[in-house]
Amino acid sequence: LDEGAAHGRLGPRRLSPLVQWDTIEKVYPRYPTVEDVDVAPGDRSCWLDLRPYANTAPYTVNETASIQRTYRLFRRLGLRHLC
């Protein structure tokens, strides 16, 4: 099999084209800025405790871990996104 024929002249075939970051920014939902949010003076001293909802022991992947290891962890946990 000819290498050029298998991959085409521009490299390996992709299932979908790459999307540039500026394109994502154009269509990403627009949320109000901090300056646009009106907070009453009495509410500015309030606290919202998110500790009951936060995971205190999240799964982490070392930056040198292989993509295979990361993918296996991702799939086994049924996750939908990585941060």
Protein backbone atom coordinates (compact mmCIF):
# COMPACT_ATOMS: atom_id res chain seq x y z
CA LEU A 1 0.00 0.00 0.00
CA ASP A 2 1.35 3.37 -0.95
CA GLU A 3 1.86 5.62 2.11
CA GLY A 4 0.69 8.68 0.18
CA ALA A 5 -2.47 6.94 -1.03
CA ALA A 6 -3.39 5.71 2.46
CA HIS A 7 -3.01 9.10 4.12
CA GLY A 8 -3.72 11.43 1.24
CA ARG A 9 -1.50 14.31 0.31
CA LEU A 10 -2.33 16.36 3.41
CA GLY A 11 -1.71 13.68 6.02
CA PRO A 12 -3.90 11.09 7.75
CA ARG A 13 -7.65 11.35 7.25
CA ARG A 14 -9.60 12.84 10.09
CA LEU A 15 -13.16 12.01 11.08
CA SER A 16 -13.91 15.70 11.43
CA PRO A 17 -11.98 18.88 10.66
CA LEU A 18 -10.04 20.61 13.39
CA VAL A 19 -11.85 23.58 14.91
CA GLN A 20 -9.83 26.68 15.70
CA TRP A 21 -10.19 28.38 19.10
CA ASP A 22 -11.45 31.67 17.62
CA THR A 23 -14.30 29.75 15.97
CA ILE A 24 -15.27 28.19 19.29
CA GLU A 25 -15.23 31.59 21.00
CA LYS A 26 -17.62 33.00 18.39
CA VAL A 27 -20.30 30.36 18.99
CA TYR A 28 -19.75 29.64 22.69
CA PRO A 29 -22.61 30.80 24.92
CA ARG A 30 -22.28 34.37 26.07
CA TYR A 31 -22.59 34.90 29.79
CA PRO A 32 -22.78 38.28 31.55
CA THR A 33 -19.52 39.76 32.77
CA VAL A 34 -18.94 40.37 36.46
CA GLU A 35 -19.58 44.06 35.86
CA ASP A 36 -23.02 43.26 34.34
CA VAL A 37 -24.25 41.35 37.40
CA ASP A 38 -26.18 43.48 39.87
CA VAL A 39 -25.54 42.38 43.45
CA ALA A 40 -27.26 44.15 46.30
CA PRO A 41 -24.87 45.66 48.89
CA GLY A 42 -26.23 43.37 51.61
CA ASP A 43 -25.54 40.29 49.48
CA ARG A 44 -21.89 41.20 48.95
CA SER A 45 -20.99 40.03 52.44
CA CYS A 46 -22.74 36.64 52.05
CA TRP A 47 -20.93 33.37 51.55
CA LEU A 48 -21.97 30.32 49.58
CA ASP A 49 -20.53 27.11 50.98
CA LEU A 50 -19.90 24.72 48.08
CA ARG A 51 -17.99 22.16 50.12
CA PRO A 52 -20.91 19.70 50.28
CA TYR A 53 -20.89 19.58 46.47
CA ALA A 54 -17.15 19.59 45.85
CA ASN A 55 -15.15 16.41 45.41
CA THR A 56 -12.41 16.55 48.01
CA ALA A 57 -10.50 13.67 46.40
CA PRO A 58 -10.82 14.07 42.63
CA TYR A 59 -9.16 11.67 40.23
CA THR A 60 -6.05 13.19 38.76
CA VAL A 61 -3.78 12.16 35.92
CA ASN A 62 -0.12 13.07 35.95
CA GLU A 63 0.89 15.22 32.98
CA THR A 64 3.34 12.52 31.91
CA ALA A 65 0.69 9.77 31.86
CA SER A 66 -0.03 8.16 28.53
CA ILE A 67 -3.16 9.01 26.61
CA GLN A 68 -4.16 5.33 26.82
CA ARG A 69 -4.09 5.40 30.62
CA THR A 70 -6.05 8.67 30.69
CA TYR A 71 -8.64 7.31 28.25
CA ARG A 72 -9.11 4.09 30.24
CA LEU A 73 -9.68 6.05 33.45
CA PHE A 74 -12.03 8.40 31.62
CA ARG A 75 -14.14 5.56 30.18
CA ARG A 76 -14.23 3.45 33.34
CA LEU A 77 -15.54 6.35 35.37
CA GLY A 78 -18.16 7.26 32.77
CA LEU A 79 -16.89 10.82 32.57
CA ARG A 80 -18.00 13.30 29.95
CA HIS A 81 -15.16 15.85 30.07
CA LEU A 82 -11.60 16.37 31.28
CA CYS A 83 -10.25 19.55 32.82
